[in-house]
C-alpha atoms as a PDB file:
ATOM      1  CA  UNK A   1      -8.114  12.007  -9.669  1.00  0.00           C
ATOM      2  CA  UNK A   2     -10.023  10.580  -6.695  1.00  0.00           C
ATOM      3  CA  UNK A   3     -12.932  13.174  -4.757  1.00  0.00           C
ATOM      4  CA  UNK A   4     -11.067  13.258  -1.630  1.00  0.00           C
ATOM      5  CA  UNK A   5      -8.278  14.879  -3.098  1.00  0.00           C
ATOM      6  CA  UNK A   6      -9.146  18.400  -2.981  1.00  0.00           C
ATOM      7  CA  UNK A   7      -6.546  20.211  -4.143  1.00  0.00           C
ATOM      8  CA  UNK A   8      -3.780  19.075  -7.431  1.00  0.00           C
ATOM      9  CA  UNK A   9      -1.067  16.322  -6.633  1.00  0.00           C
ATOM     10  CA  UNK A  10       2.270  17.213  -6.256  1.00  0.00           C
ATOM     11  CA  UNK A  11       3.998  14.661  -8.931  1.00  0.00           C
ATOM     12  CA  UNK A  12       7.557  16.097  -7.503  1.00  0.00           C
ATOM     13  CA  UNK A  13       6.758  13.042  -4.954  1.00  0.00           C
ATOM     14  CA  UNK A  14       5.441  10.386  -6.993  1.00  0.00           C
ATOM     15  CA  UNK A  15       8.322  11.160 -10.030  1.00  0.00           C
ATOM     16  CA  UNK A  16      10.923  11.290  -7.214  1.00  0.00           C
ATOM     17  CA  UNK A  17       9.749   7.423  -5.663  1.00  0.00           C
ATOM     18  CA  UNK A  18      10.629   6.628  -9.240  1.00  0.00           C
ATOM     19  CA  UNK A  19      14.178   8.125  -9.180  1.00  0.00           C
ATOM     20  CA  UNK A  20      14.663   5.396  -7.080  1.00  0.00           C
ATOM     21  CA  UNK A  21      16.706   2.354  -7.886  1.00  0.00           C
ATOM     22  CA  UNK A  22      17.675   0.466  -5.060  1.00  0.00           C
ATOM     23  CA  UNK A  23      15.834  -1.533  -1.585  1.00  0.00           C
ATOM     24  CA  UNK A  24      18.084   0.640   0.016  1.00  0.00           C
ATOM     25  CA  UNK A  25      17.322   3.408  -1.188  1.00  0.00           C
ATOM     26  CA  UNK A  26      14.034   3.104  -1.160  1.00  0.00           C
ATOM     27  CA  UNK A  27      14.262   2.406   2.872  1.00  0.00           C
ATOM     28  CA  UNK A  28      15.929   5.573   3.452  1.00  0.00           C
ATOM     29  CA  UNK A  29      13.842   8.256   1.490  1.00  0.00           C
ATOM     30  CA  UNK A  30      10.557   6.977   2.759  1.00  0.00           C
ATOM     31  CA  UNK A  31      12.805   6.341   6.624  1.00  0.00           C
ATOM     32  CA  UNK A  32      13.069  10.298   5.880  1.00  0.00           C
ATOM     33  CA  UNK A  33       9.767  11.206   4.386  1.00  0.00           C
ATOM     34  CA  UNK A  34       7.241   9.017   7.147  1.00  0.00           C
ATOM     35  CA  UNK A  35       7.318   8.521  10.555  1.00  0.00           C
ATOM     36  CA  UNK A  36       7.295   4.854  12.142  1.00  0.00           C
ATOM     37  CA  UNK A  37       3.530   4.622  12.585  1.00  0.00           C
ATOM     38  CA  UNK A  38       3.274   5.497   8.293  1.00  0.00           C
ATOM     39  CA  UNK A  39       5.452   3.211   7.562  1.00  0.00           C
ATOM     40  CA  UNK A  40       4.045   0.592   9.752  1.00  0.00           C
ATOM     41  CA  UNK A  41       0.790   1.269   8.734  1.00  0.00           C
ATOM     42  CA  UNK A  42       1.565   1.243   4.471  1.00  0.00           C
ATOM     43  CA  UNK A  43       3.914  -1.958   5.598  1.00  0.00           C
ATOM     44  CA  UNK A  44       0.790  -3.782   6.552  1.00  0.00           C
ATOM     45  CA  UNK A  45      -1.933  -2.503   4.413  1.00  0.00           C
ATOM     46  CA  UNK A  46       0.436  -3.614   1.813  1.00  0.00           C
ATOM     47  CA  UNK A  47       0.876  -7.159   3.457  1.00  0.00           C
ATOM     48  CA  UNK A  48      -3.023  -7.229   4.252  1.00  0.00           C
ATOM     49  CA  UNK A  49      -3.805  -6.980   0.099  1.00  0.00           C
ATOM     50  CA  UNK A  50      -1.538  -9.312  -0.540  1.00  0.00           C
ATOM     51  CA  UNK A  51      -3.098 -11.646   1.318  1.00  0.00           C
ATOM     52  CA  UNK A  52      -6.528 -11.087   0.469  1.00  0.00           C
ATOM     53  CA  UNK A  53      -5.314 -11.088  -3.513  1.00  0.00           C
ATOM     54  CA  UNK A  54      -3.926 -14.966  -2.432  1.00  0.00           C
ATOM     55  CA  UNK A  55      -7.499 -15.382  -0.863  1.00  0.00           C
ATOM     56  CA  UNK A  56      -7.031 -15.213   2.766  1.00  0.00           C
ATOM     57  CA  UNK A  57      -9.582 -14.995   5.359  1.00  0.00           C
ATOM     58  CA  UNK A  58     -10.603 -11.633   7.001  1.00  0.00           C
ATOM     59  CA  UNK A  59      -9.927 -14.316  10.180  1.00  0.00           C
ATOM     60  CA  UNK A  60      -6.550 -14.860   9.427  1.00  0.00           C
ATOM     61  CA  UNK A  61      -5.231 -11.816   8.459  1.00  0.00           C
ATOM     62  CA  UNK A  62      -6.008 -10.457  11.863  1.00  0.00           C
ATOM     63  CA  UNK A  63      -4.936 -12.698  13.338  1.00  0.00           C
ATOM     64  CA  UNK A  64      -1.847 -12.506  10.827  1.00  0.00           C
ATOM     65  CA  UNK A  65      -1.166  -8.835  10.494  1.00  0.00           C
ATOM     66  CA  UNK A  66      -2.286  -7.940  13.664  1.00  0.00           C
ATOM     67  CA  UNK A  67      -4.672  -5.071  10.923  1.00  0.00           C
ATOM     68  CA  UNK A  68      -8.213  -4.034  12.558  1.00  0.00           C
ATOM     69  CA  UNK A  69     -11.615  -5.044  10.988  1.00  0.00           C
ATOM     70  CA  UNK A  70     -11.868  -2.209   9.662  1.00  0.00           C
ATOM     71  CA  UNK A  71      -8.039  -2.014   7.559  1.00  0.00           C
ATOM     72  CA  UNK A  72      -8.964  -5.296   5.810  1.00  0.00           C
ATOM     73  CA  UNK A  73     -11.645  -4.299   4.439  1.00  0.00           C
ATOM     74  CA  UNK A  74     -11.486  -0.429   4.160  1.00  0.00           C
ATOM     75  CA  UNK A  75      -8.252  -2.820   1.717  1.00  0.00           C
ATOM     76  CA  UNK A  76      -9.967  -5.089  -0.085  1.00  0.00           C
ATOM     77  CA  UNK A  77     -13.145  -2.171  -1.170  1.00  0.00           C
ATOM     78  CA  UNK A  78      -9.358  -0.629  -2.523  1.00  0.00           C
ATOM     79  CA  UNK A  79      -8.785  -4.391  -4.433  1.00  0.00           C
ATOM     80  CA  UNK A  80     -12.298  -4.559  -5.759  1.00  0.00           C
ATOM     81  CA  UNK A  81     -13.301  -0.806  -6.481  1.00  0.00           C
ATOM     82  CA  UNK A  82     -10.423   1.456  -6.408  1.00  0.00           C
ATOM     83  CA  UNK A  83      -7.877   2.309  -8.995  1.00  0.00           C
ATOM     84  CA  UNK A  84      -5.855  -0.521 -10.175  1.00  0.00           C
ATOM     85  CA  UNK A  85      -2.717   0.148  -8.896  1.00  0.00           C
ATOM     86  CA  UNK A  86      -2.236  -2.800  -5.917  1.00  0.00           C
ATOM     87  CA  UNK A  87      -3.519  -4.777  -9.928  1.00  0.00           C
ATOM     88  CA  UNK A  88      -0.879  -3.189 -11.218  1.00  0.00           C
ATOM     89  CA  UNK A  89       2.469  -3.799  -8.643  1.00  0.00           C
ATOM     90  CA  UNK A  90       1.012  -7.514  -8.323  1.00  0.00           C
ATOM     91  CA  UNK A  91       1.289  -8.144 -11.521  1.00  0.00           C
ATOM     92  CA  UNK A  92       4.814  -7.218 -11.578  1.00  0.00           C
ATOM     93  CA  UNK A  93       6.268  -8.466  -8.805  1.00  0.00           C
ATOM     94  CA  UNK A  94       4.814 -12.090  -9.767  1.00  0.00           C
ATOM     95  CA  UNK A  95       6.328 -12.205 -12.954  1.00  0.00           C
END
């Protein structure tokens, strides 16, 4: 468990996400679960991660996505030293 999570995760949320079967179901679920700002932030971080993984440099990512250098740095740190969650997804979507 990441050190910044002081209490155990609520596994029900993650199990619920695994039950979604279509892109439309995902859109509807996350629209209900998150604010527009939260969704946009997650979408932006994911786009940044994809671009970093493809080898794009910070300045080009900043111009393309509008993400702050702090966000790009944070995502890069997750890619390099995180729990490999991005890697699992990237490997699966690129097959």
